[in-house]
């Protein structure tokens, strides 16, 4: 009886170490799955914000402040997810008869011309481990539609 009792109590340390060795990679895997899902969600929000910005730009392209208006629309559609990005930029450009129109002249586009809204930002991953360097990823979404407004 005594030998079984001693052997059972000595096993507790080995069980704790085995549990720790299994739990560390399991938790790291689960955090990776969570972070990848968060990345895909933010990417989807960025794509939707670019599409909504382009919809606003193609209807209101004659406005002289179209660039700042589209920036406001995109930032509104991004909502709280905007805090997950750095270097966030919104660019409005266009094509008139196949010729590139810079962002400053977008309000001169006529009906039937193409207008493009490009949204770009550097995605910030969650830093789960305090001393580890987290990678960064630049995400860009570009949407092109046909203008409805005319000059």
C-alpha atoms as a PDB file:
ATOM      1  CA  UNK A   1       0.000   0.000   0.000  1.00  0.00           C
ATOM      2  CA  UNK A   2       2.752   2.426   0.853  1.00  0.00           C
ATOM      3  CA  UNK A   3       4.526   1.970  -2.477  1.00  0.00           C
ATOM      4  CA  UNK A   4       1.391   2.783  -4.468  1.00  0.00           C
ATOM      5  CA  UNK A   5       0.780   5.908  -2.452  1.00  0.00           C
ATOM      6  CA  UNK A   6       4.313   7.197  -3.060  1.00  0.00           C
ATOM      7  CA  UNK A   7       4.225   6.378  -6.733  1.00  0.00           C
ATOM      8  CA  UNK A   8       0.897   8.182  -7.176  1.00  0.00           C
ATOM      9  CA  UNK A   9       2.119  11.369  -5.503  1.00  0.00           C
ATOM     10  CA  UNK A  10       5.300  11.448  -7.596  1.00  0.00           C
ATOM     11  CA  UNK A  11       3.219  11.414 -10.786  1.00  0.00           C
ATOM     12  CA  UNK A  12       1.642  14.814 -10.058  1.00  0.00           C
ATOM     13  CA  UNK A  13       4.694  16.774 -11.217  1.00  0.00           C
ATOM     14  CA  UNK A  14       4.954  14.857 -14.483  1.00  0.00           C
ATOM     15  CA  UNK A  15       1.254  15.410 -15.181  1.00  0.00           C
ATOM     16  CA  UNK A  16       1.631  19.157 -14.621  1.00  0.00           C
ATOM     17  CA  UNK A  17       4.594  19.373 -16.995  1.00  0.00           C
ATOM     18  CA  UNK A  18       2.840  17.289 -19.657  1.00  0.00           C
ATOM     19  CA  UNK A  19      -0.257  19.486 -19.398  1.00  0.00           C
ATOM     20  CA  UNK A  20       1.839  22.637 -19.783  1.00  0.00           C
ATOM     21  CA  UNK A  21       3.651  21.212 -22.801  1.00  0.00           C
ATOM     22  CA  UNK A  22       0.348  20.407 -24.483  1.00  0.00           C
ATOM     23  CA  UNK A  23      -1.502  23.595 -23.481  1.00  0.00           C
ATOM     24  CA  UNK A  24       1.120  26.062 -24.778  1.00  0.00           C
ATOM     25  CA  UNK A  25       0.915  25.006 -28.465  1.00  0.00           C
ATOM     26  CA  UNK A  26      -2.847  24.525 -28.190  1.00  0.00           C
ATOM     27  CA  UNK A  27      -3.379  28.061 -26.894  1.00  0.00           C
ATOM     28  CA  UNK A  28      -0.981  29.451 -29.514  1.00  0.00           C
ATOM     29  CA  UNK A  29      -2.938  27.653 -32.246  1.00  0.00           C
ATOM     30  CA  UNK A  30      -6.269  28.957 -30.944  1.00  0.00           C
ATOM     31  CA  UNK A  31      -4.919  32.512 -30.745  1.00  0.00           C
ATOM     32  CA  UNK A  32      -3.672  32.165 -34.332  1.00  0.00           C
ATOM     33  CA  UNK A  33      -7.115  31.044 -35.499  1.00  0.00           C
ATOM     34  CA  UNK A  34      -8.707  33.949 -33.627  1.00  0.00           C
ATOM     35  CA  UNK A  35      -6.267  36.481 -35.119  1.00  0.00           C
ATOM     36  CA  UNK A  36      -6.711  35.120 -38.659  1.00  0.00           C
ATOM     37  CA  UNK A  37     -10.495  35.429 -38.285  1.00  0.00           C
ATOM     38  CA  UNK A  38     -10.052  39.002 -37.046  1.00  0.00           C
ATOM     39  CA  UNK A  39      -7.845  39.776 -40.064  1.00  0.00           C
ATOM     40  CA  UNK A  40     -10.465  38.440 -42.480  1.00  0.00           C
ATOM     41  CA  UNK A  41     -13.213  40.415 -40.734  1.00  0.00           C
ATOM     42  CA  UNK A  42     -11.216  43.674 -40.927  1.00  0.00           C
ATOM     43  CA  UNK A  43     -10.347  42.981 -44.565  1.00  0.00           C
ATOM     44  CA  UNK A  44     -14.037  42.542 -45.336  1.00  0.00           C
ATOM     45  CA  UNK A  45     -14.884  45.789 -43.519  1.00  0.00           C
ATOM     46  CA  UNK A  46     -12.158  47.575 -45.545  1.00  0.00           C
ATOM     47  CA  UNK A  47     -13.579  46.221 -48.823  1.00  0.00           C
ATOM     48  CA  UNK A  48     -17.106  47.292 -47.876  1.00  0.00           C
ATOM     49  CA  UNK A  49     -15.912  50.765 -46.859  1.00  0.00           C
ATOM     50  CA  UNK A  50     -14.121  51.185 -50.201  1.00  0.00           C
ATOM     51  CA  UNK A  51     -17.258  50.123 -52.074  1.00  0.00           C
ATOM     52  CA  UNK A  52     -19.461  52.542 -50.106  1.00  0.00           C
ATOM     53  CA  UNK A  53     -16.938  55.338 -50.671  1.00  0.00           C
ATOM     54  CA  UNK A  54     -16.965  54.649 -54.405  1.00  0.00           C
ATOM     55  CA  UNK A  55     -20.774  54.649 -54.479  1.00  0.00           C
ATOM     56  CA  UNK A  56     -20.774  58.039 -52.782  1.00  0.00           C
ATOM     57  CA  UNK A  57     -18.073  59.366 -55.133  1.00  0.00           C
ATOM     58  CA  UNK A  58     -19.785  58.281 -58.341  1.00  0.00           C
ATOM     59  CA  UNK A  59     -23.052  59.970 -57.415  1.00  0.00           C
ATOM     60  CA  UNK A  60     -21.476  63.153 -56.000  1.00  0.00           C
ATOM     61  CA  UNK A  61     -18.388  63.474 -58.210  1.00  0.00           C
ATOM     62  CA  UNK A  62     -19.136  67.100 -59.168  1.00  0.00           C
ATOM     63  CA  UNK A  63     -18.559  68.307 -55.606  1.00  0.00           C
ATOM     64  CA  UNK A  64     -15.340  70.350 -55.243  1.00  0.00           C
ATOM     65  CA  UNK A  65     -14.555  68.645 -51.906  1.00  0.00           C
ATOM     66  CA  UNK A  66     -15.221  65.090 -53.066  1.00  0.00           C
ATOM     67  CA  UNK A  67     -11.933  63.780 -51.661  1.00  0.00           C
ATOM     68  CA  UNK A  68     -12.664  64.811 -48.075  1.00  0.00           C
ATOM     69  CA  UNK A  69     -16.300  63.751 -48.363  1.00  0.00           C
ATOM     70  CA  UNK A  70     -15.298  60.252 -49.507  1.00  0.00           C
ATOM     71  CA  UNK A  71     -12.711  60.106 -46.692  1.00  0.00           C
ATOM     72  CA  UNK A  72     -15.502  60.902 -44.207  1.00  0.00           C
ATOM     73  CA  UNK A  73     -17.808  58.245 -45.684  1.00  0.00           C
ATOM     74  CA  UNK A  74     -15.065  55.588 -45.635  1.00  0.00           C
ATOM     75  CA  UNK A  75     -14.051  56.432 -42.061  1.00  0.00           C
ATOM     76  CA  UNK A  76     -17.702  56.202 -41.008  1.00  0.00           C
ATOM     77  CA  UNK A  77     -18.088  52.771 -42.629  1.00  0.00           C
ATOM     78  CA  UNK A  78     -14.861  51.538 -41.018  1.00  0.00           C
ATOM     79  CA  UNK A  79     -16.194  52.430 -37.565  1.00  0.00           C
ATOM     80  CA  UNK A  80     -14.180  51.017 -34.676  1.00  0.00           C
ATOM     81  CA  UNK A  81     -12.177  48.793 -37.014  1.00  0.00           C
ATOM     82  CA  UNK A  82     -10.269  51.899 -38.135  1.00  0.00           C
ATOM     83  CA  UNK A  83      -8.194  51.628 -34.951  1.00  0.00           C
ATOM     84  CA  UNK A  84      -6.761  48.319 -36.248  1.00  0.00           C
ATOM     85  CA  UNK A  85      -4.948  50.148 -39.071  1.00  0.00           C
ATOM     86  CA  UNK A  86      -2.102  52.653 -39.310  1.00  0.00           C
ATOM     87  CA  UNK A  87      -1.174  54.793 -42.337  1.00  0.00           C
ATOM     88  CA  UNK A  88      -4.824  54.667 -43.443  1.00  0.00           C
ATOM     89  CA  UNK A  89      -5.313  56.446 -46.776  1.00  0.00           C
ATOM     90  CA  UNK A  90      -8.276  57.026 -49.095  1.00  0.00           C
ATOM     91  CA  UNK A  91      -7.590  58.100 -52.685  1.00  0.00           C
ATOM     92  CA  UNK A  92     -10.190  59.100 -55.285  1.00  0.00           C
ATOM     93  CA  UNK A  93      -9.086  59.063 -58.924  1.00  0.00           C
ATOM     94  CA  UNK A  94     -10.702  58.514 -62.284  1.00  0.00           C
ATOM     95  CA  UNK A  95     -10.437  57.860 -66.024  1.00  0.00           C
ATOM     96  CA  UNK A  96     -11.870  60.157 -68.693  1.00  0.00           C
ATOM     97  CA  UNK A  97     -11.892  58.503 -72.142  1.00  0.00           C
ATOM     98  CA  UNK A  98      -9.169  56.110 -70.985  1.00  0.00           C
ATOM     99  CA  UNK A  99      -6.889  58.874 -69.670  1.00  0.00           C
ATOM    100  CA  UNK A 100      -5.972  58.923 -65.975  1.00  0.00           C
ATOM    101  CA  UNK A 101      -7.466  61.816 -63.997  1.00  0.00           C
ATOM    102  CA  UNK A 102      -5.530  62.686 -60.786  1.00  0.00           C
ATOM    103  CA  UNK A 103      -7.347  63.011 -57.453  1.00  0.00           C
ATOM    104  CA  UNK A 104      -7.342  66.832 -57.632  1.00  0.00           C
ATOM    105  CA  UNK A 105      -9.407  66.821 -60.867  1.00  0.00           C
ATOM    106  CA  UNK A 106     -11.935  64.090 -60.094  1.00  0.00           C
ATOM    107  CA  UNK A 107     -14.793  66.595 -59.910  1.00  0.00           C
ATOM    108  CA  UNK A 108     -14.348  67.268 -63.676  1.00  0.00           C
ATOM    109  CA  UNK A 109     -15.410  63.743 -64.675  1.00  0.00           C
ATOM    110  CA  UNK A 110     -18.508  63.421 -66.827  1.00  0.00           C
ATOM    111  CA  UNK A 111     -21.267  60.835 -66.793  1.00  0.00           C
ATOM    112  CA  UNK A 112     -19.975  57.538 -68.108  1.00  0.00           C
ATOM    113  CA  UNK A 113     -16.371  58.069 -66.901  1.00  0.00           C
ATOM    114  CA  UNK A 114     -14.776  55.667 -64.458  1.00  0.00           C
ATOM    115  CA  UNK A 115     -14.109  56.687 -60.870  1.00  0.00           C
ATOM    116  CA  UNK A 116     -11.867  54.688 -58.546  1.00  0.00           C
ATOM    117  CA  UNK A 117     -11.635  54.765 -54.756  1.00  0.00           C
ATOM    118  CA  UNK A 118      -8.558  53.107 -53.275  1.00  0.00           C
ATOM    119  CA  UNK A 119      -8.415  52.448 -49.536  1.00  0.00           C
ATOM    120  CA  UNK A 120      -5.166  51.264 -47.994  1.00  0.00           C
ATOM    121  CA  UNK A 121      -3.827  50.709 -44.497  1.00  0.00           C
ATOM    122  CA  UNK A 122      -1.241  48.768 -42.551  1.00  0.00           C
ATOM    123  CA  UNK A 123      -3.029  46.148 -40.440  1.00  0.00           C
ATOM    124  CA  UNK A 124      -1.965  45.860 -36.785  1.00  0.00           C
ATOM    125  CA  UNK A 125      -1.956  42.340 -35.384  1.00  0.00           C
ATOM    126  CA  UNK A 126      -2.724  41.833 -31.693  1.00  0.00           C
ATOM    127  CA  UNK A 127       0.478  41.372 -29.712  1.00  0.00           C
ATOM    128  CA  UNK A 128      -0.303  38.358 -27.531  1.00  0.00           C
ATOM    129  CA  UNK A 129       3.274  37.874 -26.356  1.00  0.00           C
ATOM    130  CA  UNK A 130       4.738  41.087 -24.894  1.00  0.00           C
ATOM    131  CA  UNK A 131       8.319  40.645 -26.109  1.00  0.00           C
ATOM    132  CA  UNK A 132       7.560  39.165 -29.519  1.00  0.00           C
ATOM    133  CA  UNK A 133       7.673  41.305 -32.652  1.00  0.00           C
ATOM    134  CA  UNK A 134       4.374  41.137 -34.512  1.00  0.00           C
ATOM    135  CA  UNK A 135       4.397  41.318 -38.310  1.00  0.00           C
ATOM    136  CA  UNK A 136       2.517  43.966 -40.228  1.00  0.00           C
ATOM    137  CA  UNK A 137       0.448  43.554 -43.354  1.00  0.00           C
ATOM    138  CA  UNK A 138      -0.612  46.258 -45.790  1.00  0.00           C
ATOM    139  CA  UNK A 139      -4.154  45.745 -47.043  1.00  0.00           C
ATOM    140  CA  UNK A 140      -5.443  47.603 -50.099  1.00  0.00           C
ATOM    141  CA  UNK A 141      -8.884  47.608 -51.651  1.00  0.00           C
ATOM    142  CA  UNK A 142      -9.670  49.383 -54.912  1.00  0.00           C
ATOM    143  CA  UNK A 143     -13.171  49.777 -56.334  1.00  0.00           C
ATOM    144  CA  UNK A 144     -14.000  51.225 -59.787  1.00  0.00           C
ATOM    145  CA  UNK A 145     -17.486  52.255 -60.877  1.00  0.00           C
ATOM    146  CA  UNK A 146     -19.068  54.396 -63.634  1.00  0.00           C
ATOM    147  CA  UNK A 147     -19.932  58.032 -62.759  1.00  0.00           C
ATOM    148  CA  UNK A 148     -23.543  59.123 -62.819  1.00  0.00           C
ATOM    149  CA  UNK A 149     -23.019  62.835 -62.212  1.00  0.00           C
ATOM    150  CA  UNK A 150     -22.081  65.189 -65.014  1.00  0.00           C
ATOM    151  CA  UNK A 151     -20.234  68.486 -65.192  1.00  0.00           C
END
